[in-house]
PDB file of N, CA and C in Angstrom:
ATOM      1  N   MET A   1     -16.698  -3.724 -12.238  1.00  0.00           N
ATOM      2  CA  MET A   1     -16.494  -2.942 -11.558  1.00  0.00           C
ATOM      3  C   MET A   1     -17.659  -1.798 -11.995  1.00  0.00           C
ATOM      4  N   LYS A   2     -18.389  -1.533 -11.025  1.00  0.00           N
ATOM      5  CA  LYS A   2     -19.411  -0.256 -11.428  1.00  0.00           C
ATOM      6  C   LYS A   2     -18.454   0.793 -11.661  1.00  0.00           C
ATOM      7  N   ASN A   3     -19.471   1.558 -12.585  1.00  0.00           N
ATOM      8  CA  ASN A   3     -18.797   3.080 -12.936  1.00  0.00           C
ATOM      9  C   ASN A   3     -18.842   3.968 -11.425  1.00  0.00           C
ATOM     10  N   GLY A   4     -17.876   4.529 -11.723  1.00  0.00           N
ATOM     11  CA  GLY A   4     -17.852   5.741 -10.423  1.00  0.00           C
ATOM     12  C   GLY A   4     -17.253   5.111  -9.122  1.00  0.00           C
ATOM     13  N   ALA A   5     -16.492   3.610  -9.094  1.00  0.00           N
ATOM     14  CA  ALA A   5     -16.342   3.068  -8.000  1.00  0.00           C
ATOM     15  C   ALA A   5     -14.758   3.608  -7.644  1.00  0.00           C
ATOM     16  N   VAL A   6     -14.710   3.546  -6.351  1.00  0.00           N
ATOM     17  CA  VAL A   6     -13.321   3.748  -5.990  1.00  0.00           C
ATOM     18  C   VAL A   6     -12.439   2.820  -5.807  1.00  0.00           C
ATOM     19  N   LEU A   7     -11.371   2.410  -6.186  1.00  0.00           N
ATOM     20  CA  LEU A   7     -10.349   1.482  -5.778  1.00  0.00           C
ATOM     21  C   LEU A   7      -9.396   1.875  -4.985  1.00  0.00           C
ATOM     22  N   ILE A   8      -8.959   0.859  -3.952  1.00  0.00           N
ATOM     23  CA  ILE A   8      -8.231   0.465  -2.807  1.00  0.00           C
ATOM     24  C   ILE A   8      -7.237  -0.290  -2.925  1.00  0.00           C
ATOM     25  N   ASN A   9      -5.874  -0.053  -2.921  1.00  0.00           N
ATOM     26  CA  ASN A   9      -4.934  -1.140  -3.050  1.00  0.00           C
ATOM     27  C   ASN A   9      -3.755  -0.705  -1.703  1.00  0.00           C
ATOM     28  N   THR A  10      -3.900  -1.803  -0.762  1.00  0.00           N
ATOM     29  CA  THR A  10      -3.006  -1.618   0.365  1.00  0.00           C
ATOM     30  C   THR A  10      -2.167  -3.006   0.365  1.00  0.00           C
ATOM     31  N   SER A  11      -2.116  -3.742  -0.882  1.00  0.00           N
ATOM     32  CA  SER A  11      -1.371  -5.108  -0.505  1.00  0.00           C
ATOM     33  C   SER A  11      -0.009  -5.138  -1.353  1.00  0.00           C
ATOM     34  N   ARG A  12      -0.076  -4.933  -2.662  1.00  0.00           N
ATOM     35  CA  ARG A  12       1.398  -4.941  -3.393  1.00  0.00           C
ATOM     36  C   ARG A  12       0.839  -4.097  -4.607  1.00  0.00           C
ATOM     37  N   GLY A  13       1.810  -3.535  -5.227  1.00  0.00           N
ATOM     38  CA  GLY A  13       1.693  -2.647  -6.226  1.00  0.00           C
ATOM     39  C   GLY A  13       1.353  -3.428  -7.673  1.00  0.00           C
ATOM     40  N   GLU A  14       2.011  -4.530  -7.778  1.00  0.00           N
ATOM     41  CA  GLU A  14       1.835  -5.044  -8.927  1.00  0.00           C
ATOM     42  C   GLU A  14       0.576  -5.905  -9.051  1.00  0.00           C
ATOM     43  N   VAL A  15      -0.357  -5.845  -8.400  1.00  0.00           N
ATOM     44  CA  VAL A  15      -1.523  -6.524  -8.232  1.00  0.00           C
ATOM     45  C   VAL A  15      -2.511  -5.721  -9.257  1.00  0.00           C
ATOM     46  N   VAL A  16      -2.307  -4.273  -9.685  1.00  0.00           N
ATOM     47  CA  VAL A  16      -2.861  -3.643 -10.294  1.00  0.00           C
ATOM     48  C   VAL A  16      -2.083  -3.078 -11.668  1.00  0.00           C
ATOM     49  N   ASP A  17      -2.959  -2.683 -12.581  1.00  0.00           N
ATOM     50  CA  ASP A  17      -2.427  -2.063 -13.805  1.00  0.00           C
ATOM     51  C   ASP A  17      -2.485  -0.540 -13.684  1.00  0.00           C
ATOM     52  N   GLU A  18      -1.332   0.222 -13.306  1.00  0.00           N
ATOM     53  CA  GLU A  18      -1.282   1.733 -12.871  1.00  0.00           C
ATOM     54  C   GLU A  18      -1.706   2.555 -14.343  1.00  0.00           C
ATOM     55  N   PRO A  19      -1.203   2.132 -15.419  1.00  0.00           N
ATOM     56  CA  PRO A  19      -1.658   3.060 -16.489  1.00  0.00           C
ATOM     57  C   PRO A  19      -3.382   2.728 -16.664  1.00  0.00           C
ATOM     58  N   ALA A  20      -3.799   1.779 -16.612  1.00  0.00           N
ATOM     59  CA  ALA A  20      -5.216   1.490 -16.895  1.00  0.00           C
ATOM     60  C   ALA A  20      -5.864   2.075 -15.884  1.00  0.00           C
ATOM     61  N   ILE A  21      -5.601   2.374 -14.650  1.00  0.00           N
ATOM     62  CA  ILE A  21      -6.005   2.935 -13.476  1.00  0.00           C
ATOM     63  C   ILE A  21      -6.385   4.525 -13.852  1.00  0.00           C
ATOM     64  N   VAL A  22      -5.185   4.921 -14.383  1.00  0.00           N
ATOM     65  CA  VAL A  22      -5.140   6.545 -14.574  1.00  0.00           C
ATOM     66  C   VAL A  22      -6.246   6.678 -16.000  1.00  0.00           C
ATOM     67  N   GLU A  23      -5.933   5.908 -16.905  1.00  0.00           N
ATOM     68  CA  GLU A  23      -7.124   5.872 -18.050  1.00  0.00           C
ATOM     69  C   GLU A  23      -8.593   5.914 -17.322  1.00  0.00           C
ATOM     70  N   ALA A  24      -8.955   4.790 -16.243  1.00  0.00           N
ATOM     71  CA  ALA A  24     -10.136   4.930 -15.625  1.00  0.00           C
ATOM     72  C   ALA A  24     -10.537   6.022 -15.022  1.00  0.00           C
ATOM     73  N   LEU A  25      -9.675   6.728 -14.301  1.00  0.00           N
ATOM     74  CA  LEU A  25     -10.072   7.910 -13.620  1.00  0.00           C
ATOM     75  C   LEU A  25     -10.296   9.068 -14.519  1.00  0.00           C
ATOM     76  N   LYS A  26      -9.615   9.059 -15.726  1.00  0.00           N
ATOM     77  CA  LYS A  26      -9.656  10.173 -16.750  1.00  0.00           C
ATOM     78  C   LYS A  26     -11.019   9.953 -17.342  1.00  0.00           C
ATOM     79  N   SER A  27     -11.195   8.765 -17.563  1.00  0.00           N
ATOM     80  CA  SER A  27     -12.496   8.616 -18.592  1.00  0.00           C
ATOM     81  C   SER A  27     -13.868   8.510 -17.439  1.00  0.00           C
ATOM     82  N   GLY A  28     -13.572   8.663 -16.216  1.00  0.00           N
ATOM     83  CA  GLY A  28     -14.784   8.624 -15.131  1.00  0.00           C
ATOM     84  C   GLY A  28     -15.130   7.048 -14.736  1.00  0.00           C
ATOM     85  N   LYS A  29     -14.561   6.266 -15.456  1.00  0.00           N
ATOM     86  CA  LYS A  29     -14.914   4.733 -15.180  1.00  0.00           C
ATOM     87  C   LYS A  29     -14.679   4.684 -13.521  1.00  0.00           C
ATOM     88  N   LEU A  30     -13.531   5.029 -12.976  1.00  0.00           N
ATOM     89  CA  LEU A  30     -13.193   5.039 -11.624  1.00  0.00           C
ATOM     90  C   LEU A  30     -13.490   6.580 -11.272  1.00  0.00           C
ATOM     91  N   TYR A  31     -14.090   6.686 -10.108  1.00  0.00           N
ATOM     92  CA  TYR A  31     -14.282   7.945  -9.235  1.00  0.00           C
ATOM     93  C   TYR A  31     -12.722   8.185  -8.669  1.00  0.00           C
ATOM     94  N   GLY A  32     -12.419   7.363  -8.015  1.00  0.00           N
ATOM     95  CA  GLY A  32     -11.091   7.901  -7.355  1.00  0.00           C
ATOM     96  C   GLY A  32     -10.029   6.564  -6.919  1.00  0.00           C
ATOM     97  N   VAL A  33      -8.869   6.638  -6.541  1.00  0.00           N
ATOM     98  CA  VAL A  33      -7.837   5.587  -6.202  1.00  0.00           C
ATOM     99  C   VAL A  33      -7.395   6.105  -5.057  1.00  0.00           C
ATOM    100  N   GLY A  34      -7.163   5.070  -4.097  1.00  0.00           N
ATOM    101  CA  GLY A  34      -6.268   5.166  -2.937  1.00  0.00           C
ATOM    102  C   GLY A  34      -5.104   4.061  -2.736  1.00  0.00           C
ATOM    103  N   VAL A  35      -3.869   4.246  -2.667  1.00  0.00           N
ATOM    104  CA  VAL A  35      -2.711   3.280  -2.793  1.00  0.00           C
ATOM    105  C   VAL A  35      -1.958   3.644  -1.819  1.00  0.00           C
ATOM    106  N   ASP A  36      -1.060   2.602  -1.347  1.00  0.00           N
ATOM    107  CA  ASP A  36      -0.183   3.043  -0.549  1.00  0.00           C
ATOM    108  C   ASP A  36       0.903   2.154  -0.766  1.00  0.00           C
ATOM    109  N   VAL A  37       0.792   1.520  -1.863  1.00  0.00           N
ATOM    110  CA  VAL A  37       1.983   0.771  -2.653  1.00  0.00           C
ATOM    111  C   VAL A  37       2.206   1.076  -4.085  1.00  0.00           C
ATOM    112  N   LEU A  38       3.326   0.997  -4.632  1.00  0.00           N
ATOM    113  CA  LEU A  38       3.411   1.368  -6.103  1.00  0.00           C
ATOM    114  C   LEU A  38       4.106   0.274  -6.881  1.00  0.00           C
ATOM    115  N   VAL A  39       3.855   0.130  -7.963  1.00  0.00           N
ATOM    116  CA  VAL A  39       4.565  -0.990  -8.764  1.00  0.00           C
ATOM    117  C   VAL A  39       6.020  -0.506  -8.959  1.00  0.00           C
ATOM    118  N   GLY A  40       6.773  -1.707  -8.426  1.00  0.00           N
ATOM    119  CA  GLY A  40       8.396  -1.556  -8.365  1.00  0.00           C
ATOM    120  C   GLY A  40       8.952  -0.569  -7.542  1.00  0.00           C
ATOM    121  N   GLU A  41       7.915  -0.579  -6.340  1.00  0.00           N
ATOM    122  CA  GLU A  41       8.647   0.269  -5.129  1.00  0.00           C
ATOM    123  C   GLU A  41       9.743  -0.337  -4.659  1.00  0.00           C
ATOM    124  N   ASN A  42       9.951  -1.930  -4.501  1.00  0.00           N
ATOM    125  CA  ASN A  42      11.270  -2.288  -4.076  1.00  0.00           C
ATOM    126  C   ASN A  42      12.119  -2.241  -4.826  1.00  0.00           C
ATOM    127  N   ALA A  43      12.328  -2.051  -6.037  1.00  0.00           N
ATOM    128  CA  ALA A  43      13.415  -1.864  -6.950  1.00  0.00           C
ATOM    129  C   ALA A  43      14.643  -0.907  -6.348  1.00  0.00           C
ATOM    130  N   ASP A  44      15.864  -1.260  -6.557  1.00  0.00           N
ATOM    131  CA  ASP A  44      16.706  -0.167  -6.218  1.00  0.00           C
ATOM    132  C   ASP A  44      16.834   1.201  -6.889  1.00  0.00           C
ATOM    133  N   ASP A  45      16.592   1.112  -8.056  1.00  0.00           N
ATOM    134  CA  ASP A  45      16.141   2.214  -8.677  1.00  0.00           C
ATOM    135  C   ASP A  45      14.777   2.997  -8.970  1.00  0.00           C
ATOM    136  N   PHE A  46      13.992   2.566  -8.106  1.00  0.00           N
ATOM    137  CA  PHE A  46      12.530   3.111  -7.877  1.00  0.00           C
ATOM    138  C   PHE A  46      12.511   4.409  -7.780  1.00  0.00           C
ATOM    139  N   SER A  47      11.632   5.232  -8.532  1.00  0.00           N
ATOM    140  CA  SER A  47      11.540   6.668  -8.210  1.00  0.00           C
ATOM    141  C   SER A  47       9.869   6.796  -8.390  1.00  0.00           C
ATOM    142  N   SER A  48       9.489   7.284  -7.213  1.00  0.00           N
ATOM    143  CA  SER A  48       7.860   7.402  -7.134  1.00  0.00           C
ATOM    144  C   SER A  48       7.592   8.695  -8.194  1.00  0.00           C
ATOM    145  N   ALA A  49       8.606   9.425  -8.401  1.00  0.00           N
ATOM    146  CA  ALA A  49       7.726  10.333  -9.466  1.00  0.00           C
ATOM    147  C   ALA A  49       7.413   9.743 -10.698  1.00  0.00           C
ATOM    148  N   ASP A  50       8.312   8.587 -11.043  1.00  0.00           N
ATOM    149  CA  ASP A  50       7.882   7.736 -12.253  1.00  0.00           C
ATOM    150  C   ASP A  50       6.705   7.190 -12.240  1.00  0.00           C
ATOM    151  N   SER A  51       5.970   7.009 -11.014  1.00  0.00           N
ATOM    152  CA  SER A  51       4.652   6.027 -11.037  1.00  0.00           C
ATOM    153  C   SER A  51       3.466   7.101 -11.842  1.00  0.00           C
ATOM    154  N   PRO A  52       2.573   6.386 -12.525  1.00  0.00           N
ATOM    155  CA  PRO A  52       1.502   6.826 -13.144  1.00  0.00           C
ATOM    156  C   PRO A  52       0.443   7.634 -12.256  1.00  0.00           C
ATOM    157  N   LEU A  53       0.540   6.651 -11.049  1.00  0.00           N
ATOM    158  CA  LEU A  53      -0.389   6.851 -10.067  1.00  0.00           C
ATOM    159  C   LEU A  53      -0.073   8.142  -9.069  1.00  0.00           C
ATOM    160  N   VAL A  54       1.212   8.466  -9.186  1.00  0.00           N
ATOM    161  CA  VAL A  54       1.748   9.612  -8.239  1.00  0.00           C
ATOM    162  C   VAL A  54       1.671  10.886  -9.412  1.00  0.00           C
ATOM    163  N   VAL A  55       1.788  10.899 -10.688  1.00  0.00           N
ATOM    164  CA  VAL A  55       1.506  11.893 -11.649  1.00  0.00           C
ATOM    165  C   VAL A  55       0.108  12.129 -11.466  1.00  0.00           C
ATOM    166  N   ALA A  56      -0.696  10.919 -11.563  1.00  0.00           N
ATOM    167  CA  ALA A  56      -2.303  11.183 -11.422  1.00  0.00           C
ATOM    168  C   ALA A  56      -2.642  12.085 -10.209  1.00  0.00           C
ATOM    169  N   ALA A  57      -2.225  11.884  -9.250  1.00  0.00           N
ATOM    170  CA  ALA A  57      -2.476  12.708  -7.773  1.00  0.00           C
ATOM    171  C   ALA A  57      -2.002  14.170  -8.135  1.00  0.00           C
ATOM    172  N   SER A  58      -0.885  14.214  -8.897  1.00  0.00           N
ATOM    173  CA  SER A  58      -0.352  15.796  -8.898  1.00  0.00           C
ATOM    174  C   SER A  58      -1.270  16.493  -9.929  1.00  0.00           C
ATOM    175  N   GLN A  59      -1.900  15.760 -10.528  1.00  0.00           N
ATOM    176  CA  GLN A  59      -2.860  16.266 -11.805  1.00  0.00           C
ATOM    177  C   GLN A  59      -4.382  16.421 -11.216  1.00  0.00           C
ATOM    178  N   ASN A  60      -4.437  16.094  -9.817  1.00  0.00           N
ATOM    179  CA  ASN A  60      -5.923  15.971  -9.237  1.00  0.00           C
ATOM    180  C   ASN A  60      -6.686  15.191  -9.787  1.00  0.00           C
ATOM    181  N   LEU A  61      -6.531  14.215 -10.072  1.00  0.00           N
ATOM    182  CA  LEU A  61      -7.346  13.200 -10.665  1.00  0.00           C
ATOM    183  C   LEU A  61      -7.853  12.195  -9.782  1.00  0.00           C
ATOM    184  N   ASN A  62      -8.003  12.470  -8.404  1.00  0.00           N
ATOM    185  CA  ASN A  62      -8.690  11.987  -7.294  1.00  0.00           C
ATOM    186  C   ASN A  62      -8.211  10.679  -7.077  1.00  0.00           C
ATOM    187  N   ALA A  63      -6.587  10.703  -7.125  1.00  0.00           N
ATOM    188  CA  ALA A  63      -5.873   9.724  -6.599  1.00  0.00           C
ATOM    189  C   ALA A  63      -5.098  10.134  -5.240  1.00  0.00           C
ATOM    190  N   VAL A  64      -4.973   9.224  -4.395  1.00  0.00           N
ATOM    191  CA  VAL A  64      -4.290   9.613  -3.266  1.00  0.00           C
ATOM    192  C   VAL A  64      -3.449   8.270  -3.023  1.00  0.00           C
ATOM    193  N   VAL A  65      -2.009   8.816  -2.813  1.00  0.00           N
ATOM    194  CA  VAL A  65      -0.874   7.817  -2.869  1.00  0.00           C
ATOM    195  C   VAL A  65      -0.312   8.171  -1.345  1.00  0.00           C
ATOM    196  N   SER A  66      -0.245   7.177  -0.504  1.00  0.00           N
ATOM    197  CA  SER A  66       0.342   7.481   0.460  1.00  0.00           C
ATOM    198  C   SER A  66       1.536   6.305   1.176  1.00  0.00           C
ATOM    199  N   PRO A  67       2.257   6.472   1.837  1.00  0.00           N
ATOM    200  CA  PRO A  67       3.439   5.632   2.180  1.00  0.00           C
ATOM    201  C   PRO A  67       2.891   4.156   2.635  1.00  0.00           C
ATOM    202  N   HIS A  68       3.440   3.209   2.576  1.00  0.00           N
ATOM    203  CA  HIS A  68       2.801   1.939   3.308  1.00  0.00           C
ATOM    204  C   HIS A  68       3.546   1.838   4.523  1.00  0.00           C
ATOM    205  N   ILE A  69       3.101   2.402   5.419  1.00  0.00           N
ATOM    206  CA  ILE A  69       3.581   2.651   6.573  1.00  0.00           C
ATOM    207  C   ILE A  69       2.131   2.464   7.751  1.00  0.00           C
ATOM    208  N   GLY A  70       0.940   1.719   7.238  1.00  0.00           N
ATOM    209  CA  GLY A  70       0.012   1.722   8.220  1.00  0.00           C
ATOM    210  C   GLY A  70       0.358   0.941   9.418  1.00  0.00           C
ATOM    211  N   GLY A  71       0.882   0.067   9.542  1.00  0.00           N
ATOM    212  CA  GLY A  71       1.678  -0.724  10.768  1.00  0.00           C
ATOM    213  C   GLY A  71       2.475  -0.092  11.501  1.00  0.00           C
ATOM    214  N   TRP A  72       2.985   1.087  11.274  1.00  0.00           N
ATOM    215  CA  TRP A  72       3.879   1.630  12.017  1.00  0.00           C
ATOM    216  C   TRP A  72       3.321   2.788  12.785  1.00  0.00           C
ATOM    217  N   THR A  73       2.185   2.375  13.501  1.00  0.00           N
ATOM    218  CA  THR A  73       1.592   3.514  14.674  1.00  0.00           C
ATOM    219  C   THR A  73       2.524   2.690  15.845  1.00  0.00           C
ATOM    220  N   MET A  74       2.312   3.759  16.797  1.00  0.00           N
ATOM    221  CA  MET A  74       2.857   3.258  18.265  1.00  0.00           C
ATOM    222  C   MET A  74       2.306   2.221  18.776  1.00  0.00           C
ATOM    223  N   GLN A  75       1.127   2.371  18.819  1.00  0.00           N
ATOM    224  CA  GLN A  75       0.349   1.135  19.176  1.00  0.00           C
ATOM    225  C   GLN A  75       0.796  -0.302  18.528  1.00  0.00           C
ATOM    226  N   ALA A  76       0.894  -0.378  17.140  1.00  0.00           N
ATOM    227  CA  ALA A  76       0.993  -1.357  16.425  1.00  0.00           C
ATOM    228  C   ALA A  76       2.454  -2.107  16.735  1.00  0.00           C
ATOM    229  N   VAL A  77       3.406  -1.081  16.479  1.00  0.00           N
ATOM    230  CA  VAL A  77       4.964  -1.441  16.976  1.00  0.00           C
ATOM    231  C   VAL A  77       4.800  -2.145  18.439  1.00  0.00           C
ATOM    232  N   ALA A  78       4.180  -1.442  19.383  1.00  0.00           N
ATOM    233  CA  ALA A  78       4.196  -1.929  20.803  1.00  0.00           C
ATOM    234  C   ALA A  78       3.788  -3.289  20.820  1.00  0.00           C
ATOM    235  N   THR A  79       2.530  -3.453  20.490  1.00  0.00           N
ATOM    236  CA  THR A  79       1.981  -4.556  20.229  1.00  0.00           C
ATOM    237  C   THR A  79       2.908  -5.692  19.391  1.00  0.00           C
ATOM    238  N   THR A  80       3.493  -5.474  18.483  1.00  0.00           N
ATOM    239  CA  THR A  80       4.128  -6.457  17.664  1.00  0.00           C
ATOM    240  C   THR A  80       5.339  -6.727  18.726  1.00  0.00           C
ATOM    241  N   ARG A  81       6.319  -5.938  19.407  1.00  0.00           N
ATOM    242  CA  ARG A  81       7.293  -6.159  20.187  1.00  0.00           C
ATOM    243  C   ARG A  81       6.706  -7.128  21.272  1.00  0.00           C
ATOM    244  N   SER A  82       5.492  -6.830  21.817  1.00  0.00           N
ATOM    245  CA  SER A  82       5.237  -7.486  23.154  1.00  0.00           C
ATOM    246  C   SER A  82       4.695  -8.949  22.470  1.00  0.00           C
ATOM    247  N   LEU A  83       4.325  -8.985  21.409  1.00  0.00           N
ATOM    248  CA  LEU A  83       4.145 -10.478  20.873  1.00  0.00           C
ATOM    249  C   LEU A  83       5.204 -11.361  20.625  1.00  0.00           C
ATOM    250  N   VAL A  84       6.342 -10.736  20.032  1.00  0.00           N
ATOM    251  CA  VAL A  84       7.478 -11.289  19.679  1.00  0.00           C
ATOM    252  C   VAL A  84       8.349 -11.632  21.054  1.00  0.00           C
ATOM    253  N   VAL A  85       8.278 -10.668  22.086  1.00  0.00           N
ATOM    254  CA  VAL A  85       8.733 -11.035  23.530  1.00  0.00           C
ATOM    255  C   VAL A  85       8.044 -12.313  24.179  1.00  0.00           C
ATOM    256  N   GLU A  86       6.799 -12.495  24.134  1.00  0.00           N
ATOM    257  CA  GLU A  86       5.987 -13.212  24.653  1.00  0.00           C
ATOM    258  C   GLU A  86       6.254 -14.859  23.984  1.00  0.00           C
ATOM    259  N   GLU A  87       6.480 -14.616  22.571  1.00  0.00           N
ATOM    260  CA  GLU A  87       6.601 -15.676  21.649  1.00  0.00           C
ATOM    261  C   GLU A  87       8.158 -16.469  22.064  1.00  0.00           C
ATOM    262  N   LEU A  88       9.089 -15.566  22.262  1.00  0.00           N
ATOM    263  CA  LEU A  88      10.293 -15.874  22.639  1.00  0.00           C
ATOM    264  C   LEU A  88      10.365 -16.851  23.798  1.00  0.00           C
ATOM    265  N   LEU A  89       9.876 -16.114  24.950  1.00  0.00           N
ATOM    266  CA  LEU A  89       9.786 -16.651  26.423  1.00  0.00           C
ATOM    267  C   LEU A  89       9.124 -17.903  26.158  1.00  0.00           C
ATOM    268  N   ARG A  90       7.961 -18.057  25.449  1.00  0.00           N
ATOM    269  CA  ARG A  90       7.127 -19.406  25.425  1.00  0.00           C
ATOM    270  C   ARG A  90       8.112 -20.357  24.754  1.00  0.00           C
ATOM    271  N   GLN A  91       8.826 -20.037  23.812  1.00  0.00           N
ATOM    272  CA  GLN A  91       9.553 -20.930  23.298  1.00  0.00           C
ATOM    273  C   GLN A  91      10.766 -21.391  23.982  1.00  0.00           C
ATOM    274  N   LEU A  92      11.410 -20.520  24.474  1.00  0.00           N
ATOM    275  CA  LEU A  92      12.332 -20.764  25.859  1.00  0.00           C
ATOM    276  C   LEU A  92      12.055 -21.531  26.838  1.00  0.00           C
ATOM    277  N   SER A  93      10.826 -21.480  27.275  1.00  0.00           N
ATOM    278  CA  SER A  93      10.447 -22.286  28.331  1.00  0.00           C
ATOM    279  C   SER A  93       9.595 -23.633  28.005  1.00  0.00           C
ATOM    280  N   SER A  94       9.661 -23.884  26.493  1.00  0.00           N
ATOM    281  CA  SER A  94       9.172 -25.181  26.195  1.00  0.00           C
ATOM    282  C   SER A  94      10.202 -26.207  25.707  1.00  0.00           C
ATOM    283  N   ASP A  95       9.795 -27.161  25.512  1.00  0.00           N
ATOM    284  CA  ASP A  95      10.997 -28.299  24.970  1.00  0.00           C
ATOM    285  C   ASP A  95      10.930 -28.233  23.322  1.00  0.00           C
ATOM    286  N   GLU A  96      10.293 -27.235  22.734  1.00  0.00           N
ATOM    287  CA  GLU A  96      10.275 -27.108  21.296  1.00  0.00           C
ATOM    288  C   GLU A  96      11.708 -26.560  20.659  1.00  0.00           C
ATOM    289  N   ILE A  97      12.579 -26.107  21.478  1.00  0.00           N
ATOM    290  CA  ILE A  97      13.690 -25.385  20.874  1.00  0.00           C
ATOM    291  C   ILE A  97      14.959 -26.781  20.764  1.00  0.00           C
TER     292      ILE A  97
END
């Protein structure tokens, strides 16, 4: 990765090494990071306050952490509902059931 790059992770928190990202931010290797997922966020005892990236964001290290809710816009939810209903009706009207 080039020096000064910006890293974006919107897939799963576990695909990155959060402490290494923070070190890369501090050293200038990375210019910034943006994530909407964190390591361990699905665990019952998860606390975002323990995340190295949340701490980095609170220290103004060019880290942006947002909730993993990109698919929850009104349009996205309406489209998903329509697709589910259309598929259900298609299945009910076919011999595939």
